[in-house]
Amino acid sequence: MTNTTTISTLEGDADFHAYRAVPAGTPKAAIIVIQEIFGVNAGIRRKCDTLAEAGYLAIAPDLFWRLERGIELDPDIKPEFDRALELMGQFDQDKGIADIEASIRAVRSELGDGAKVGVVGYCLGGRLAFMTAARTDVDASVGYYGVGIDGLLGEKHAIAHPVLLHVPEEDHFVDKAAQAAMHAGLDDHPKVMIYDYAGEDHGFATEFGERRSDASAKLADERTAKFFAENLG
């Protein structure tokens, strides 16, 4: 079952929407799906649906709601891609993390005491997943092709729960120097695991469109599924 739910901000002074996918039985845990710069579009909703099919309660909060509610963009259409870049430039990432934390609290409240919550993010969401791992008590975090994580390494000491990062080696948004810095800063972290994908570019695990690289996407998703099974139950 899928629907749209409403989540209150941490301050309780406003609400924002989230796409919600519910498994057929009792959820074994919850996973927050963190959007790319293209909003909660069909691809992100499909990520939620797949997680629900695997037994998780999955929600994708609309993190661009302070700019414009209900953004859905197609990265394969240039004007929409350009619009996404504009939104990224206007987006307040600290407020985004606060909205992710509010989402974590909402699903924990729904599932009850002891419920575990993970996050998985793509592109901008991959970066936010790393920030969520460092700034909240989320139980497990996965980031696909997160941009600028090399600039966040000063926060790695705060990571207390498992983190998995998927890094395409030919990411045109994350150059080789940035990738090397990520490995130098995180390879010895007891809670962080990094997988590299030779020959792959940014967006390789998208559900739809020209960016998808099917074999690597399936491999990364299998690794993510195993990671969540081990860390969320």
Protein backbone atom coordinates (compact mmCIF):
# COMPACT_ATOMS: atom_id res chain seq x y z
CA MET A 1 0.00 0.00 0.00
CA THR A 2 1.21 3.50 -0.78
CA ASN A 3 -0.02 6.90 0.29
CA THR A 4 1.12 10.39 1.24
CA THR A 5 1.71 11.16 4.88
CA THR A 6 2.25 14.45 6.71
CA ILE A 7 5.20 15.01 9.05
CA SER A 8 5.63 17.86 11.52
CA THR A 9 8.91 19.75 11.65
CA LEU A 10 11.06 19.36 14.75
CA GLU A 11 9.85 22.75 15.92
CA GLY A 12 6.23 21.78 15.32
CA ASP A 13 5.58 25.02 13.45
CA ALA A 14 4.95 23.53 9.98
CA ASP A 15 4.25 20.28 8.14
CA PHE A 16 5.69 18.65 5.04
CA HIS A 17 4.60 15.67 2.97
CA ALA A 18 6.28 12.32 2.41
CA TYR A 19 5.58 9.43 0.07
CA ARG A 20 4.89 6.30 2.12
CA ALA A 21 5.08 2.65 1.10
CA VAL A 22 3.85 0.03 3.57
CA PRO A 23 4.72 -3.70 3.48
CA ALA A 24 2.05 -6.39 3.42
CA GLY A 25 2.90 -7.60 6.94
CA THR A 26 4.28 -6.01 10.07
CA PRO A 27 7.28 -3.83 9.12
CA LYS A 28 10.59 -5.24 10.29
CA ALA A 29 12.08 -1.72 10.38
CA ALA A 30 11.72 1.64 8.64
CA ILE A 31 13.89 3.25 5.98
CA ILE A 32 13.90 6.91 5.00
CA VAL A 33 14.63 7.35 1.28
CA ILE A 34 16.43 10.64 0.69
CA GLN A 35 15.77 12.27 -2.67
CA GLU A 36 18.13 13.40 -5.38
CA ILE A 37 18.00 17.01 -6.55
CA PHE A 38 15.04 15.97 -8.71
CA GLY A 39 12.58 15.71 -5.83
CA VAL A 40 10.37 12.81 -4.84
CA ASN A 41 9.92 11.68 -8.42
CA ALA A 42 8.91 8.31 -9.90
CA GLY A 43 12.37 6.84 -9.34
CA ILE A 44 12.46 7.72 -5.65
CA ARG A 45 8.93 6.42 -5.18
CA ARG A 46 9.98 3.16 -6.83
CA LYS A 47 12.88 2.88 -4.36
CA CYS A 48 10.31 3.10 -1.55
CA ASP A 49 8.06 0.51 -3.18
CA THR A 50 10.95 -1.94 -3.51
CA LEU A 51 11.87 -1.54 0.15
CA ALA A 52 8.24 -2.12 1.15
CA GLU A 53 8.24 -5.31 -0.94
CA ALA A 54 11.25 -6.38 1.16
CA GLY A 55 9.31 -5.83 4.39
CA TYR A 56 10.27 -2.28 5.39
CA LEU A 57 8.12 0.74 6.02
CA ALA A 58 9.64 3.23 3.56
CA ILE A 59 9.04 6.97 3.33
CA ALA A 60 10.53 9.66 1.13
CA PRO A 61 10.13 13.14 2.63
CA ASP A 62 9.73 16.15 0.34
CA LEU A 63 12.89 17.99 1.37
CA PHE A 64 12.40 20.85 -1.11
CA TRP A 65 9.08 21.88 0.46
CA ARG A 66 10.48 25.17 1.78
CA LEU A 67 11.36 26.13 -1.81
CA GLU A 68 8.40 24.58 -3.59
CA ARG A 69 6.21 21.67 -2.61
CA GLY A 70 5.82 18.57 -4.73
CA ILE A 71 8.85 18.96 -6.99
CA GLU A 72 9.19 16.08 -9.49
CA LEU A 73 11.85 16.47 -12.19
CA ASP A 74 13.27 14.26 -14.93
CA PRO A 75 17.11 14.35 -15.14
CA ASP A 76 16.98 13.33 -18.80
CA ILE A 77 15.16 16.54 -19.76
CA LYS A 78 17.66 19.41 -19.81
CA PRO A 79 15.39 22.25 -18.61
CA GLU A 80 14.30 20.06 -15.71
CA PHE A 81 17.91 19.10 -14.94
CA ASP A 82 18.83 22.80 -14.95
CA ARG A 83 15.91 23.55 -12.63
CA ALA A 84 17.16 20.85 -10.26
CA LEU A 85 20.59 22.49 -10.12
CA GLU A 86 18.93 25.81 -9.27
CA LEU A 87 16.99 24.19 -6.44
CA MET A 88 20.15 22.57 -5.13
CA GLY A 89 21.79 25.99 -4.95
CA GLN A 90 18.89 27.33 -2.88
CA PHE A 91 18.49 24.31 -0.61
CA ASP A 92 19.39 24.64 3.08
CA GLN A 93 21.07 21.33 3.91
CA ASP A 94 20.98 21.86 7.68
CA LYS A 95 17.20 22.28 7.52
CA GLY A 96 17.08 19.21 5.30
CA ILE A 97 18.82 17.19 8.01
CA ALA A 98 16.32 18.52 10.54
CA ASP A 99 13.47 17.31 8.32
CA ILE A 100 15.12 13.90 7.98
CA GLU A 101 15.43 13.74 11.77
CA ALA A 102 11.76 14.64 12.07
CA SER A 103 10.99 11.80 9.65
CA ILE A 104 13.08 9.38 11.72
CA ARG A 105 11.17 10.37 14.85
CA ALA A 106 7.83 10.02 13.07
CA VAL A 107 8.44 6.47 11.89
CA ARG A 108 9.94 5.42 15.23
CA SER A 109 6.80 6.71 16.91
CA GLU A 110 4.64 4.78 14.45
CA LEU A 111 6.52 1.49 14.84
CA GLY A 112 6.95 1.70 18.60
CA ASP A 113 9.73 1.24 21.13
CA GLY A 114 12.81 -0.50 19.88
CA ALA A 115 12.07 0.05 16.20
CA LYS A 116 15.13 0.55 14.04
CA VAL A 117 15.36 3.15 11.30
CA GLY A 118 17.77 3.43 8.40
CA VAL A 119 18.31 5.98 5.66
CA VAL A 120 19.34 5.58 2.03
CA GLY A 121 20.07 8.53 -0.21
CA TYR A 122 21.11 9.26 -3.77
CA CYS A 123 23.22 12.16 -5.13
CA LEU A 124 22.27 15.03 -2.81
CA GLY A 125 20.60 12.34 -0.73
CA GLY A 126 23.88 10.41 -0.56
CA ARG A 127 25.54 13.43 0.98
CA LEU A 128 22.62 13.94 3.35
CA ALA A 129 22.76 10.26 4.35
CA PHE A 130 26.36 10.74 5.49
CA MET A 131 25.38 13.91 7.37
CA THR A 132 22.45 12.06 8.96
CA ALA A 133 24.82 9.34 10.17
CA ALA A 134 26.99 11.96 11.85
CA ARG A 135 24.25 14.21 13.22
CA THR A 136 21.41 11.90 14.30
CA ASP A 137 20.89 8.57 16.05
CA VAL A 138 19.80 6.75 12.88
CA ASP A 139 20.63 3.04 13.06
CA ALA A 140 22.15 2.54 9.58
CA SER A 141 22.91 4.79 6.60
CA VAL A 142 23.56 4.16 2.90
CA GLY A 143 24.78 6.79 0.43
CA TYR A 144 24.89 6.38 -3.33
CA TYR A 145 27.25 8.74 -5.17
CA GLY A 146 27.13 11.40 -2.48
CA VAL A 147 28.69 14.68 -3.55
CA GLY A 148 31.16 16.54 -1.35
CA ILE A 149 31.58 13.89 1.33
CA ASP A 150 35.32 14.61 1.28
CA GLY A 151 34.44 18.03 2.72
CA LEU A 152 32.48 16.44 5.58
CA LEU A 153 35.23 14.21 6.95
CA GLY A 154 35.59 16.44 9.99
CA GLU A 155 32.28 14.97 11.18
CA LYS A 156 33.31 11.32 10.90
CA HIS A 157 34.11 11.07 14.62
CA ALA A 158 30.39 11.44 15.35
CA ILE A 159 29.37 8.39 13.30
CA ALA A 160 28.23 5.77 15.80
CA HIS A 161 26.25 3.38 13.58
CA PRO A 162 27.05 1.54 10.33
CA VAL A 163 27.46 3.46 7.07
CA LEU A 164 27.73 2.07 3.53
CA LEU A 165 28.86 4.26 0.61
CA HIS A 166 28.63 3.43 -3.09
CA VAL A 167 31.22 5.36 -5.13
CA PRO A 168 31.31 5.29 -8.96
CA GLU A 169 34.90 5.79 -10.05
CA GLU A 170 34.02 7.97 -13.07
CA ASP A 171 31.62 10.27 -11.20
CA HIS A 172 31.83 13.61 -13.01
CA PHE A 173 30.62 15.37 -9.85
CA VAL A 174 33.16 13.67 -7.54
CA ASP A 175 36.67 13.68 -8.99
CA LYS A 176 39.49 11.25 -8.29
CA ALA A 177 41.05 13.50 -5.66
CA ALA A 178 37.78 13.67 -3.75
CA GLN A 179 37.39 9.90 -3.97
CA ALA A 180 40.95 9.41 -2.71
CA ALA A 181 40.25 11.75 0.20
CA MET A 182 37.14 9.76 1.10
CA HIS A 183 39.14 6.54 1.21
CA ALA A 184 42.01 8.12 3.15
CA GLY A 185 39.60 9.54 5.69
CA LEU A 186 37.17 6.64 6.02
CA ASP A 187 38.83 3.32 5.15
CA ASP A 188 39.98 2.82 8.74
CA HIS A 189 36.67 3.94 10.28
CA PRO A 190 35.17 0.95 12.12
CA LYS A 191 31.61 1.88 11.11
CA VAL A 192 32.10 2.81 7.43
CA MET A 193 32.32 0.57 4.36
CA ILE A 194 32.99 1.90 0.83
CA TYR A 195 32.38 0.07 -2.43
CA ASP A 196 33.86 1.43 -5.66
CA TYR A 197 32.36 0.84 -9.10
CA ALA A 198 34.87 0.90 -11.95
CA GLY A 199 33.72 2.64 -15.09
CA GLU A 200 30.50 3.92 -13.54
CA ASP A 201 29.27 7.51 -13.43
CA HIS A 202 26.99 9.51 -11.18
CA GLY A 203 23.43 8.23 -11.08
CA PHE A 204 24.23 4.67 -12.14
CA ALA A 205 21.67 3.17 -9.73
CA THR A 206 18.72 5.32 -10.74
CA GLU A 207 15.53 3.33 -11.31
CA PHE A 208 14.68 4.89 -14.65
CA GLY A 209 16.35 6.80 -17.45
CA GLU A 210 19.58 7.14 -19.34
CA ARG A 211 21.91 7.21 -16.35
CA ARG A 212 21.15 3.67 -15.14
CA SER A 213 23.83 1.00 -15.50
CA ASP A 214 21.86 -2.15 -14.84
CA ALA A 215 24.50 -4.64 -13.71
CA SER A 216 26.20 -2.25 -11.29
CA ALA A 217 22.86 -0.95 -10.04
CA LYS A 218 21.73 -4.47 -9.20
CA LEU A 219 25.04 -5.23 -7.49
CA ALA A 220 24.88 -2.06 -5.39
CA ASP A 221 21.27 -2.70 -4.45
CA GLU A 222 22.08 -6.28 -3.44
CA ARG A 223 24.83 -4.95 -1.17
CA THR A 224 22.43 -2.40 0.28
CA ALA A 225 19.80 -5.08 0.93
CA LYS A 226 22.36 -7.23 2.76
CA PHE A 227 23.58 -4.22 4.77
CA PHE A 228 20.07 -3.32 5.91
CA ALA A 229 19.24 -6.96 6.71
CA GLU A 230 22.33 -7.15 8.94
CA ASN A 231 21.84 -3.78 10.65
CA LEU A 232 18.08 -3.28 10.81
CA GLY A 233 16.85 -6.89 11.00
